Amino acid sequence: MNAVPRRGRRSGTATTRGAIVDSARRLFAEHGYDGTSLREIARAAGVDAAMVHHYFAGKDELFGACIELPADPRAVLKGVAARDPGDRGEALVLALLGVWDSPVQPALLALLRGVASSTGQAALLREVLLKRVAAVVLAGLEDDDAVLRLRASLLASQLMGLVMARYLLKLEPLASAGHAQIAALFAPAVQRCLTGPLDWHPVGIHPPDGII
């Protein structure tokens, strides 16, 4: 006698957790972190909202599971955020190098390579850079939202450029340079992205919603 398929919402199994993560990954990629609610994720996964909270403490933890970050950006940047905004450039570069030159480097490289082949993964990484990196590093600045968005994008371009050149392309002598030497070279440019004057008058460009 054939078993009759069960109808209704999923029960609490490992498959349920996977369905939640898959649905969240898709919705975060399509609508961004702020544009996605836990209730919407639960509905897309076919589970009760309470089931999402059973597996994840909140949206931030679920987002981390979606992109499988090997290190928590907020923990990595805690020391940077504690500094005065005008003195964060060098600390940020050193924090970046510290996490990349650590045992989690293979996982970070896999993430970076995945971004190149997946628009969904790229969208998730963009959310990480804006919400979990830039929002922490730019905290305390008194610029308006448009300037903060610009600073966030400039900051991301500097950090990703360094990561790509040193760890993915392995360009010498940058690839084998010491942390102090790299920080001395990159910190002024990174600090300018954070607090320096910006001569920017975009025409017809509508950046995404605020980062904080």
N, C-alpha and C. Protein backbone atom coordinates (compact mmCIF):
# COMPACT_ATOMS: atom_id res chain seq x y z
N MET A 1 0.85 -1.20 0.00
CA MET A 1 0.00 0.00 0.00
C MET A 1 0.88 1.24 0.00
N ASN A 2 0.64 2.13 -0.95
CA ASN A 2 1.45 3.34 -1.07
C ASN A 2 1.09 4.35 0.00
N ALA A 3 2.12 5.00 0.53
CA ALA A 3 1.90 6.03 1.55
C ALA A 3 1.29 7.26 0.90
N VAL A 4 0.40 7.90 1.59
CA VAL A 4 -0.22 9.12 1.09
C VAL A 4 0.63 10.31 1.49
N PRO A 5 1.05 11.17 0.54
CA PRO A 5 1.89 12.32 0.89
C PRO A 5 1.19 13.23 1.89
N ARG A 6 1.93 13.70 2.86
CA ARG A 6 1.38 14.60 3.86
C ARG A 6 1.21 15.99 3.27
N ARG A 7 0.09 16.60 3.59
CA ARG A 7 -0.18 17.95 3.12
C ARG A 7 0.06 18.95 4.25
N GLY A 8 0.07 20.22 3.88
CA GLY A 8 0.22 21.27 4.88
C GLY A 8 1.65 21.71 5.03
N ARG A 9 1.92 22.38 6.16
CA ARG A 9 3.24 22.96 6.36
C ARG A 9 4.23 21.89 6.80
N ARG A 10 5.51 22.20 6.55
CA ARG A 10 6.57 21.26 6.86
C ARG A 10 6.73 21.08 8.37
N SER A 11 7.19 19.91 8.75
CA SER A 11 7.51 19.67 10.16
C SER A 11 8.95 20.08 10.42
N GLY A 12 9.34 20.13 11.71
CA GLY A 12 10.67 20.60 12.06
C GLY A 12 11.74 19.56 11.79
N THR A 13 12.31 19.54 10.62
CA THR A 13 13.36 18.62 10.23
C THR A 13 14.51 19.39 9.63
N ALA A 14 15.62 18.65 9.35
CA ALA A 14 16.76 19.29 8.68
C ALA A 14 16.34 19.81 7.32
N THR A 15 15.41 19.09 6.67
CA THR A 15 14.91 19.54 5.37
C THR A 15 14.19 20.88 5.51
N THR A 16 13.50 21.06 6.61
CA THR A 16 12.81 22.33 6.86
C THR A 16 13.81 23.47 6.97
N ARG A 17 14.88 23.25 7.72
CA ARG A 17 15.90 24.30 7.85
C ARG A 17 16.49 24.64 6.49
N GLY A 18 16.74 23.62 5.68
CA GLY A 18 17.28 23.88 4.34
C GLY A 18 16.31 24.67 3.48
N ALA A 19 15.02 24.36 3.60
CA ALA A 19 14.02 25.09 2.83
C ALA A 19 13.96 26.55 3.25
N ILE A 20 14.09 26.79 4.54
CA ILE A 20 14.09 28.17 5.04
C ILE A 20 15.28 28.94 4.50
N VAL A 21 16.46 28.32 4.56
CA VAL A 21 17.68 28.98 4.08
C VAL A 21 17.58 29.23 2.58
N ASP A 22 17.10 28.25 1.82
CA ASP A 22 16.99 28.41 0.37
C ASP A 22 16.03 29.55 0.02
N SER A 23 14.90 29.60 0.70
CA SER A 23 13.93 30.67 0.44
C SER A 23 14.48 32.03 0.85
N ALA A 24 15.16 32.06 1.99
CA ALA A 24 15.74 33.33 2.45
C ALA A 24 16.82 33.80 1.50
N ARG A 25 17.65 32.88 1.03
CA ARG A 25 18.72 33.26 0.10
C ARG A 25 18.14 33.90 -1.16
N ARG A 26 17.07 33.31 -1.67
CA ARG A 26 16.45 33.84 -2.88
C ARG A 26 15.82 35.21 -2.63
N LEU A 27 15.11 35.35 -1.52
CA LEU A 27 14.43 36.62 -1.23
C LEU A 27 15.43 37.73 -0.90
N PHE A 28 16.48 37.40 -0.14
CA PHE A 28 17.50 38.41 0.16
C PHE A 28 18.16 38.89 -1.13
N ALA A 29 18.43 37.97 -2.05
CA ALA A 29 19.07 38.34 -3.31
C ALA A 29 18.15 39.21 -4.16
N GLU A 30 16.84 38.93 -4.12
CA GLU A 30 15.90 39.67 -4.94
C GLU A 30 15.52 41.02 -4.34
N HIS A 31 15.34 41.06 -3.02
CA HIS A 31 14.78 42.26 -2.39
C HIS A 31 15.71 42.94 -1.39
N GLY A 32 16.87 42.36 -1.14
CA GLY A 32 17.80 42.95 -0.18
C GLY A 32 17.42 42.59 1.25
N TYR A 33 18.32 42.92 2.15
CA TYR A 33 18.12 42.58 3.57
C TYR A 33 16.91 43.32 4.15
N ASP A 34 16.86 44.63 3.95
CA ASP A 34 15.77 45.42 4.54
C ASP A 34 14.43 45.13 3.88
N GLY A 35 14.45 44.70 2.62
CA GLY A 35 13.22 44.47 1.89
C GLY A 35 12.64 43.09 2.09
N THR A 36 13.23 42.29 2.95
CA THR A 36 12.78 40.92 3.19
C THR A 36 12.43 40.73 4.66
N SER A 37 11.27 40.18 4.93
CA SER A 37 10.85 39.93 6.31
C SER A 37 10.89 38.44 6.61
N LEU A 38 11.00 38.11 7.88
CA LEU A 38 10.98 36.71 8.29
C LEU A 38 9.65 36.05 7.95
N ARG A 39 8.59 36.81 8.01
CA ARG A 39 7.27 36.26 7.68
C ARG A 39 7.21 35.88 6.20
N GLU A 40 7.78 36.71 5.35
CA GLU A 40 7.81 36.39 3.92
C GLU A 40 8.67 35.16 3.65
N ILE A 41 9.77 35.05 4.36
CA ILE A 41 10.63 33.88 4.20
C ILE A 41 9.90 32.61 4.62
N ALA A 42 9.19 32.68 5.74
CA ALA A 42 8.43 31.52 6.22
C ALA A 42 7.37 31.12 5.20
N ARG A 43 6.68 32.10 4.65
CA ARG A 43 5.63 31.80 3.66
C ARG A 43 6.23 31.14 2.42
N ALA A 44 7.38 31.65 1.95
CA ALA A 44 8.01 31.09 0.76
C ALA A 44 8.51 29.67 1.02
N ALA A 45 8.93 29.40 2.27
CA ALA A 45 9.45 28.07 2.61
C ALA A 45 8.33 27.09 2.97
N GLY A 46 7.11 27.59 3.11
CA GLY A 46 6.00 26.72 3.45
C GLY A 46 5.99 26.28 4.90
N VAL A 47 6.46 27.18 5.80
CA VAL A 47 6.49 26.85 7.22
C VAL A 47 5.85 27.98 8.01
N ASP A 48 5.54 27.70 9.27
CA ASP A 48 5.06 28.75 10.16
C ASP A 48 6.21 29.68 10.52
N ALA A 49 5.88 30.93 10.78
CA ALA A 49 6.92 31.90 11.16
C ALA A 49 7.66 31.44 12.41
N ALA A 50 6.96 30.75 13.32
CA ALA A 50 7.60 30.28 14.55
C ALA A 50 8.71 29.28 14.25
N MET A 51 8.59 28.56 13.13
CA MET A 51 9.61 27.58 12.77
C MET A 51 10.92 28.27 12.38
N VAL A 52 10.82 29.45 11.77
CA VAL A 52 12.02 30.21 11.43
C VAL A 52 12.76 30.58 12.71
N HIS A 53 12.01 31.03 13.71
CA HIS A 53 12.63 31.40 14.99
C HIS A 53 13.16 30.18 15.75
N HIS A 54 12.62 29.01 15.43
CA HIS A 54 13.12 27.79 16.04
C HIS A 54 14.55 27.50 15.62
N TYR A 55 14.87 27.80 14.36
CA TYR A 55 16.20 27.52 13.83
C TYR A 55 17.14 28.71 13.91
N PHE A 56 16.61 29.92 13.89
CA PHE A 56 17.46 31.12 13.83
C PHE A 56 17.01 32.15 14.85
N ALA A 57 17.97 32.78 15.51
CA ALA A 57 17.66 33.76 16.55
C ALA A 57 17.01 35.01 15.97
N GLY A 58 17.24 35.30 14.71
CA GLY A 58 16.68 36.48 14.07
C GLY A 58 17.11 36.56 12.63
N LYS A 59 16.75 37.64 11.98
CA LYS A 59 17.04 37.79 10.55
C LYS A 59 18.54 37.87 10.29
N ASP A 60 19.28 38.49 11.20
CA ASP A 60 20.71 38.63 11.01
C ASP A 60 21.40 37.27 10.99
N GLU A 61 21.01 36.38 11.89
CA GLU A 61 21.60 35.05 11.93
C GLU A 61 21.21 34.24 10.69
N LEU A 62 19.97 34.39 10.24
CA LEU A 62 19.52 33.69 9.04
C LEU A 62 20.27 34.19 7.81
N PHE A 63 20.48 35.49 7.74
CA PHE A 63 21.23 36.05 6.61
C PHE A 63 22.65 35.47 6.58
N GLY A 64 23.27 35.37 7.76
CA GLY A 64 24.61 34.79 7.83
C GLY A 64 24.63 33.37 7.32
N ALA A 65 23.58 32.60 7.61
CA ALA A 65 23.50 31.22 7.14
C ALA A 65 23.34 31.16 5.63
N CYS A 66 22.70 32.16 5.06
CA CYS A 66 22.47 32.17 3.61
C CYS A 66 23.78 32.32 2.84
N ILE A 67 24.65 33.16 3.32
CA ILE A 67 25.89 33.40 2.58
C ILE A 67 27.06 32.61 3.15
N GLU A 68 26.83 31.92 4.27
CA GLU A 68 27.83 31.03 4.87
C GLU A 68 29.16 31.74 5.10
N LEU A 69 29.10 32.87 5.78
CA LEU A 69 30.32 33.61 6.09
C LEU A 69 31.15 32.84 7.11
N PRO A 70 32.44 32.70 6.86
CA PRO A 70 33.29 31.98 7.81
C PRO A 70 33.68 32.81 9.03
N ALA A 71 33.39 34.10 9.00
CA ALA A 71 33.69 34.99 10.13
C ALA A 71 32.59 36.05 10.22
N ASP A 72 32.25 36.45 11.43
CA ASP A 72 31.22 37.45 11.65
C ASP A 72 31.82 38.84 11.44
N PRO A 73 31.37 39.58 10.41
CA PRO A 73 31.95 40.90 10.15
C PRO A 73 31.88 41.85 11.35
N ARG A 74 30.81 41.77 12.12
CA ARG A 74 30.67 42.68 13.26
C ARG A 74 31.72 42.39 14.32
N ALA A 75 32.04 41.11 14.50
CA ALA A 75 33.08 40.76 15.47
C ALA A 75 34.45 41.20 14.95
N VAL A 76 34.70 41.00 13.66
CA VAL A 76 35.98 41.39 13.07
C VAL A 76 36.19 42.90 13.15
N LEU A 77 35.10 43.65 12.99
CA LEU A 77 35.19 45.11 12.91
C LEU A 77 34.93 45.81 14.25
N LYS A 78 34.77 45.04 15.30
CA LYS A 78 34.44 45.64 16.60
C LYS A 78 35.48 46.67 17.02
N GLY A 79 36.76 46.34 16.87
CA GLY A 79 37.81 47.27 17.25
C GLY A 79 37.87 48.49 16.36
N VAL A 80 37.49 48.32 15.08
CA VAL A 80 37.48 49.45 14.15
C VAL A 80 36.37 50.43 14.52
N ALA A 81 35.19 49.91 14.78
CA ALA A 81 34.05 50.76 15.10
C ALA A 81 34.25 51.53 16.40
N ALA A 82 35.08 51.02 17.29
CA ALA A 82 35.32 51.69 18.57
C ALA A 82 36.20 52.93 18.42
N ARG A 83 36.87 53.07 17.29
CA ARG A 83 37.75 54.21 17.07
C ARG A 83 36.97 55.43 16.58
N ASP A 84 37.57 56.58 16.69
CA ASP A 84 37.01 57.79 16.11
C ASP A 84 36.93 57.61 14.59
N PRO A 85 35.85 58.09 13.94
CA PRO A 85 35.73 57.92 12.49
C PRO A 85 36.94 58.42 11.71
N GLY A 86 37.61 59.46 12.21
CA GLY A 86 38.76 60.00 11.51
C GLY A 86 40.03 59.18 11.67
N ASP A 87 39.93 58.06 12.39
CA ASP A 87 41.11 57.24 12.66
C ASP A 87 40.82 55.76 12.42
N ARG A 88 39.95 55.46 11.45
CA ARG A 88 39.55 54.08 11.22
C ARG A 88 40.22 53.44 10.01
N GLY A 89 40.81 54.23 9.13
CA GLY A 89 41.34 53.69 7.88
C GLY A 89 42.36 52.58 8.07
N GLU A 90 43.40 52.87 8.84
CA GLU A 90 44.46 51.87 9.04
C GLU A 90 43.93 50.65 9.79
N ALA A 91 43.11 50.89 10.81
CA ALA A 91 42.56 49.77 11.59
C ALA A 91 41.69 48.88 10.72
N LEU A 92 40.96 49.47 9.79
CA LEU A 92 40.11 48.68 8.91
C LEU A 92 40.93 47.80 7.98
N VAL A 93 41.99 48.36 7.40
CA VAL A 93 42.85 47.57 6.51
C VAL A 93 43.50 46.42 7.28
N LEU A 94 43.98 46.69 8.47
CA LEU A 94 44.61 45.64 9.28
C LEU A 94 43.60 44.56 9.68
N ALA A 95 42.38 44.95 9.98
CA ALA A 95 41.35 43.97 10.32
C ALA A 95 41.03 43.09 9.12
N LEU A 96 40.95 43.70 7.95
CA LEU A 96 40.69 42.95 6.72
C LEU A 96 41.80 41.94 6.45
N LEU A 97 43.04 42.38 6.55
CA LEU A 97 44.17 41.49 6.32
C LEU A 97 44.22 40.38 7.37
N GLY A 98 43.87 40.73 8.60
CA GLY A 98 43.91 39.74 9.67
C GLY A 98 42.97 38.58 9.42
N VAL A 99 41.76 38.86 8.94
CA VAL A 99 40.80 37.78 8.73
C VAL A 99 41.13 37.00 7.46
N TRP A 100 41.67 37.70 6.44
CA TRP A 100 42.01 36.99 5.21
C TRP A 100 43.26 36.13 5.37
N ASP A 101 44.22 36.56 6.16
CA ASP A 101 45.41 35.75 6.42
C ASP A 101 45.20 34.92 7.68
N SER A 102 44.14 34.16 7.68
CA SER A 102 43.79 33.32 8.81
C SER A 102 43.28 31.99 8.26
N PRO A 103 42.97 31.03 9.12
CA PRO A 103 42.48 29.73 8.63
C PRO A 103 41.20 29.78 7.82
N VAL A 104 40.45 30.91 7.86
CA VAL A 104 39.20 30.97 7.10
C VAL A 104 39.42 31.42 5.66
N GLN A 105 40.68 31.67 5.26
CA GLN A 105 40.94 32.15 3.90
C GLN A 105 40.36 31.25 2.82
N PRO A 106 40.49 29.92 2.87
CA PRO A 106 39.91 29.08 1.82
C PRO A 106 38.40 29.29 1.66
N ALA A 107 37.70 29.43 2.76
CA ALA A 107 36.26 29.64 2.69
C ALA A 107 35.94 31.00 2.08
N LEU A 108 36.73 32.01 2.41
CA LEU A 108 36.53 33.34 1.84
C LEU A 108 36.81 33.33 0.34
N LEU A 109 37.83 32.62 -0.08
CA LEU A 109 38.14 32.53 -1.50
C LEU A 109 37.02 31.82 -2.26
N ALA A 110 36.47 30.77 -1.67
CA ALA A 110 35.36 30.06 -2.30
C ALA A 110 34.16 30.99 -2.46
N LEU A 111 33.91 31.81 -1.44
CA LEU A 111 32.83 32.78 -1.51
C LEU A 111 33.08 33.78 -2.62
N LEU A 112 34.30 34.27 -2.72
CA LEU A 112 34.64 35.26 -3.73
C LEU A 112 34.50 34.69 -5.14
N ARG A 113 34.93 33.46 -5.33
CA ARG A 113 34.81 32.82 -6.65
C ARG A 113 33.35 32.57 -6.99
N GLY A 114 32.56 32.25 -5.98
CA GLY A 114 31.14 32.01 -6.23
C GLY A 114 30.41 33.26 -6.69
N VAL A 115 30.86 34.41 -6.20
CA VAL A 115 30.24 35.68 -6.60
C VAL A 115 30.38 35.92 -8.09
N ALA A 116 31.51 35.50 -8.66
CA ALA A 116 31.77 35.74 -10.08
C ALA A 116 30.85 34.94 -10.99
N SER A 117 30.29 33.85 -10.48
CA SER A 117 29.47 32.97 -11.32
C SER A 117 28.00 32.96 -10.93
N SER A 118 27.63 33.71 -9.91
CA SER A 118 26.25 33.69 -9.44
C SER A 118 25.76 35.09 -9.13
N THR A 119 24.73 35.53 -9.84
CA THR A 119 24.17 36.86 -9.56
C THR A 119 23.52 36.89 -8.19
N GLY A 120 22.94 35.78 -7.77
CA GLY A 120 22.33 35.73 -6.44
C GLY A 120 23.36 35.86 -5.35
N GLN A 121 24.49 35.17 -5.51
CA GLN A 121 25.56 35.26 -4.52
C GLN A 121 26.15 36.66 -4.51
N ALA A 122 26.26 37.28 -5.68
CA ALA A 122 26.77 38.65 -5.76
C ALA A 122 25.85 39.61 -5.03
N ALA A 123 24.54 39.41 -5.17
CA ALA A 123 23.58 40.27 -4.47
C ALA A 123 23.70 40.12 -2.96
N LEU A 124 23.91 38.88 -2.51
CA LEU A 124 24.06 38.66 -1.08
C LEU A 124 25.34 39.29 -0.55
N LEU A 125 26.43 39.17 -1.31
CA LEU A 125 27.68 39.79 -0.87
C LEU A 125 27.56 41.31 -0.84
N ARG A 126 26.82 41.86 -1.78
CA ARG A 126 26.59 43.32 -1.77
C ARG A 126 25.87 43.73 -0.48
N GLU A 127 24.90 42.93 -0.07
CA GLU A 127 24.21 43.22 1.18
C GLU A 127 25.16 43.13 2.37
N VAL A 128 26.07 42.16 2.35
CA VAL A 128 27.05 42.04 3.42
C VAL A 128 27.92 43.29 3.49
N LEU A 129 28.41 43.73 2.34
CA LEU A 129 29.29 44.89 2.30
C LEU A 129 28.59 46.15 2.79
N LEU A 130 27.30 46.30 2.43
CA LEU A 130 26.58 47.51 2.79
C LEU A 130 26.05 47.47 4.23
N LYS A 131 25.46 46.34 4.61
CA LYS A 131 24.77 46.27 5.90
C LYS A 131 25.65 45.79 7.04
N ARG A 132 26.64 44.96 6.75
CA ARG A 132 27.42 44.36 7.83
C ARG A 132 28.84 44.88 7.90
N VAL A 133 29.29 45.57 6.87
CA VAL A 133 30.63 46.14 6.89
C VAL A 133 30.54 47.67 6.90
N ALA A 134 30.00 48.24 5.82
CA ALA A 134 29.94 49.70 5.72
C ALA A 134 29.13 50.32 6.84
N ALA A 135 28.01 49.71 7.20
CA ALA A 135 27.16 50.27 8.25
C ALA A 135 27.90 50.36 9.58
N VAL A 136 28.77 49.38 9.84
CA VAL A 136 29.55 49.39 11.08
C VAL A 136 30.67 50.42 11.01
N VAL A 137 31.39 50.43 9.91
CA VAL A 137 32.55 51.29 9.78
C VAL A 137 32.15 52.76 9.65
N LEU A 138 31.00 53.03 9.06
CA LEU A 138 30.56 54.42 8.87
C LEU A 138 29.72 54.94 10.03
N ALA A 139 29.49 54.12 11.03
CA ALA A 139 28.68 54.54 12.18
C ALA A 139 29.29 55.78 12.84
N GLY A 140 28.43 56.74 13.14
CA GLY A 140 28.89 57.95 13.81
C GLY A 140 29.15 59.11 12.87
N LEU A 141 29.21 58.86 11.56
CA LEU A 141 29.41 59.95 10.61
C LEU A 141 28.11 60.73 10.46
N GLU A 142 28.22 62.03 10.28
CA GLU A 142 27.04 62.88 10.24
C GLU A 142 26.62 63.25 8.82
N ASP A 143 27.15 62.56 7.82
CA ASP A 143 26.75 62.83 6.44
C ASP A 143 25.31 62.41 6.20
N ASP A 144 24.70 62.97 5.15
CA ASP A 144 23.35 62.53 4.81
C ASP A 144 23.41 61.18 4.11
N ASP A 145 22.24 60.59 3.85
CA ASP A 145 22.18 59.23 3.31
C ASP A 145 22.88 59.10 1.96
N ALA A 146 22.73 60.10 1.10
CA ALA A 146 23.34 60.03 -0.23
C ALA A 146 24.86 59.96 -0.13
N VAL A 147 25.44 60.75 0.74
CA VAL A 147 26.90 60.74 0.91
C VAL A 147 27.35 59.45 1.56
N LEU A 148 26.58 58.94 2.52
CA LEU A 148 26.93 57.67 3.14
C LEU A 148 26.90 56.53 2.14
N ARG A 149 25.93 56.55 1.23
CA ARG A 149 25.88 55.52 0.20
C ARG A 149 27.10 55.59 -0.70
N LEU A 150 27.50 56.82 -1.03
CA LEU A 150 28.69 56.99 -1.86
C LEU A 150 29.93 56.50 -1.12
N ARG A 151 30.06 56.87 0.13
CA ARG A 151 31.22 56.43 0.91
C ARG A 151 31.24 54.91 1.00
N ALA A 152 30.09 54.30 1.18
CA ALA A 152 30.02 52.84 1.27
C ALA A 152 30.49 52.18 -0.01
N SER A 153 30.07 52.69 -1.16
CA SER A 153 30.47 52.09 -2.43
C SER A 153 31.96 52.31 -2.71
N LEU A 154 32.47 53.48 -2.37
CA LEU A 154 33.90 53.74 -2.55
C LEU A 154 34.73 52.84 -1.62
N LEU A 155 34.26 52.70 -0.39
CA LEU A 155 34.95 51.85 0.57
C LEU A 155 35.00 50.40 0.08
N ALA A 156 33.85 49.91 -0.41
CA ALA A 156 33.79 48.54 -0.93
C ALA A 156 34.75 48.35 -2.09
N SER A 157 34.85 49.36 -2.97
CA SER A 157 35.75 49.23 -4.12
C SER A 157 37.21 49.14 -3.68
N GLN A 158 37.58 49.87 -2.66
CA GLN A 158 38.95 49.81 -2.15
C GLN A 158 39.25 48.45 -1.51
N LEU A 159 38.36 47.99 -0.66
CA LEU A 159 38.58 46.73 0.05
C LEU A 159 38.55 45.54 -0.89
N MET A 160 37.57 45.51 -1.80
CA MET A 160 37.47 44.39 -2.73
C MET A 160 38.64 44.40 -3.72
N GLY A 161 39.09 45.59 -4.10
CA GLY A 161 40.25 45.66 -5.00
C GLY A 161 41.49 45.08 -4.35
N LEU A 162 41.69 45.40 -3.08
CA LEU A 162 42.84 44.86 -2.35
C LEU A 162 42.73 43.34 -2.23
N VAL A 163 41.56 42.85 -1.87
CA VAL A 163 41.36 41.42 -1.72
C VAL A 163 41.58 40.68 -3.04
N MET A 164 41.03 41.20 -4.11
CA MET A 164 41.17 40.56 -5.42
C MET A 164 42.64 40.50 -5.84
N ALA A 165 43.34 41.61 -5.69
CA ALA A 165 44.73 41.67 -6.15
C ALA A 165 45.64 40.79 -5.30
N ARG A 166 45.45 40.80 -4.00
CA ARG A 166 46.37 40.08 -3.10
C ARG A 166 46.06 38.59 -3.00
N TYR A 167 44.79 38.24 -2.89
CA TYR A 167 44.45 36.86 -2.57
C TYR A 167 43.93 36.04 -3.75
N LEU A 168 43.29 36.68 -4.72
CA LEU A 168 42.77 35.94 -5.86
C LEU A 168 43.74 35.96 -7.03
N LEU A 169 44.20 37.15 -7.43
CA LEU A 169 45.15 37.27 -8.54
C LEU A 169 46.60 37.06 -8.09
N LYS A 170 46.83 37.26 -6.79
CA LYS A 170 48.18 37.11 -6.21
C LYS A 170 49.23 37.95 -6.94
N LEU A 171 48.90 39.22 -7.12
CA LEU A 171 49.82 40.14 -7.78
C LEU A 171 50.98 40.49 -6.86
N GLU A 172 52.18 40.33 -7.35
CA GLU A 172 53.38 40.70 -6.59
C GLU A 172 53.82 42.11 -6.95
N PRO A 173 54.40 42.82 -5.97
CA PRO A 173 54.81 42.37 -4.63
C PRO A 173 53.71 42.47 -3.57
N LEU A 174 52.48 42.86 -3.99
CA LEU A 174 51.40 43.01 -3.02
C LEU A 174 51.07 41.70 -2.32
N ALA A 175 51.11 40.59 -3.04
CA ALA A 175 50.70 39.31 -2.48
C ALA A 175 51.58 38.86 -1.31
N SER A 176 52.84 39.24 -1.32
CA SER A 176 53.75 38.80 -0.26
C SER A 176 54.15 39.92 0.69
N ALA A 177 53.57 41.09 0.54
CA ALA A 177 53.90 42.22 1.41
C ALA A 177 53.33 42.00 2.81
N GLY A 178 53.98 42.60 3.82
CA GLY A 178 53.52 42.49 5.19
C GLY A 178 52.32 43.38 5.46
N HIS A 179 51.61 43.07 6.54
CA HIS A 179 50.41 43.82 6.88
C HIS A 179 50.70 45.30 7.12
N ALA A 180 51.76 45.60 7.84
CA ALA A 180 52.07 46.99 8.16
C ALA A 180 52.36 47.79 6.90
N GLN A 181 53.07 47.17 5.96
CA GLN A 181 53.41 47.86 4.72
C GLN A 181 52.16 48.12 3.88
N ILE A 182 51.29 47.13 3.79
CA ILE A 182 50.05 47.31 3.02
C ILE A 182 49.17 48.36 3.67
N ALA A 183 49.06 48.32 4.99
CA ALA A 183 48.23 49.30 5.70
C ALA A 183 48.74 50.71 5.47
N ALA A 184 50.06 50.89 5.48
CA ALA A 184 50.63 52.22 5.26
C ALA A 184 50.29 52.74 3.87
N LEU A 185 50.22 51.83 2.89
CA LEU A 185 49.93 52.25 1.52
C LEU A 185 48.45 52.47 1.27
N PHE A 186 47.60 51.63 1.85
CA PHE A 186 46.18 51.69 1.56
C PHE A 186 45.38 52.56 2.52
N ALA A 187 45.86 52.71 3.74
CA ALA A 187 45.07 53.42 4.76
C ALA A 187 44.66 54.83 4.34
N PRO A 188 45.55 55.64 3.72
CA PRO A 188 45.12 56.99 3.34
C PRO A 188 43.93 56.99 2.38
N ALA A 189 43.95 56.08 1.39
CA ALA A 189 42.84 56.02 0.43
C ALA A 189 41.56 55.54 1.11
N VAL A 190 41.67 54.57 2.00
CA VAL A 190 40.51 54.06 2.72
C VAL A 190 39.94 55.13 3.64
N GLN A 191 40.82 55.86 4.32
CA GLN A 191 40.36 56.92 5.21
C GLN A 191 39.65 58.03 4.45
N ARG A 192 40.14 58.32 3.25
CA ARG A 192 39.48 59.34 2.42
C ARG A 192 38.07 58.90 2.05
N CYS A 193 37.89 57.61 1.77
CA CYS A 193 36.55 57.10 1.50
C CYS A 193 35.64 57.29 2.71
N LEU A 194 36.21 57.17 3.89
CA LEU A 194 35.42 57.26 5.12
C LEU A 194 35.07 58.69 5.49
N THR A 195 36.05 59.57 5.46
CA THR A 195 35.82 60.91 6.01
C THR A 195 36.31 62.05 5.13
N GLY A 196 36.98 61.75 4.03
CA GLY A 196 37.55 62.80 3.19
C GLY A 196 36.50 63.56 2.40
N PRO A 197 36.86 64.72 1.84
CA PRO A 197 35.93 65.48 1.01
C PRO A 197 35.63 64.73 -0.29
N LEU A 198 34.40 64.82 -0.74
CA LEU A 198 33.98 64.12 -1.96
C LEU A 198 33.37 65.10 -2.93
N ASP A 199 33.95 65.20 -4.09
CA ASP A 199 33.42 66.06 -5.14
C ASP A 199 32.61 65.18 -6.08
N TRP A 200 31.33 65.06 -5.79
CA TRP A 200 30.49 64.11 -6.52
C TRP A 200 29.15 64.73 -6.81
N HIS A 201 28.81 64.83 -8.08
CA HIS A 201 27.54 65.42 -8.48
C HIS A 201 26.88 64.51 -9.52
N PRO A 202 26.31 63.39 -9.07
CA PRO A 202 25.73 62.43 -10.02
C PRO A 202 24.50 63.00 -10.72
N VAL A 203 24.34 62.66 -11.98
CA VAL A 203 23.20 63.09 -12.77
C VAL A 203 22.47 61.85 -13.27
N GLY A 204 21.19 61.73 -12.91
CA GLY A 204 20.41 60.60 -13.37
C GLY A 204 20.77 59.29 -12.73
N ILE A 205 21.46 59.31 -11.58
CA ILE A 205 21.85 58.09 -10.91
C ILE A 205 21.06 57.99 -9.61
N HIS A 206 20.43 56.85 -9.42
CA HIS A 206 19.62 56.65 -8.22
C HIS A 206 20.16 55.46 -7.45
N PRO A 207 21.00 55.72 -6.45
CA PRO A 207 21.60 54.62 -5.68
C PRO A 207 20.55 53.90 -4.85
N PRO A 208 20.88 52.72 -4.33
CA PRO A 208 19.93 51.95 -3.51
C PRO A 208 19.62 52.65 -2.20
N ASP A 209 18.69 52.09 -1.46
CA ASP A 209 18.26 52.69 -0.20
C ASP A 209 19.41 52.78 0.79
N GLY A 210 19.19 53.56 1.84
CA GLY A 210 20.24 53.83 2.83
C GLY A 210 20.89 52.56 3.37
N ILE A 211 22.13 52.67 3.81
CA ILE A 211 22.88 51.52 4.25
C ILE A 211 22.74 51.29 5.74
N ILE A 212 22.22 52.26 6.47
CA ILE A 212 22.16 52.12 7.92
C ILE A 212 20.72 52.05 8.38
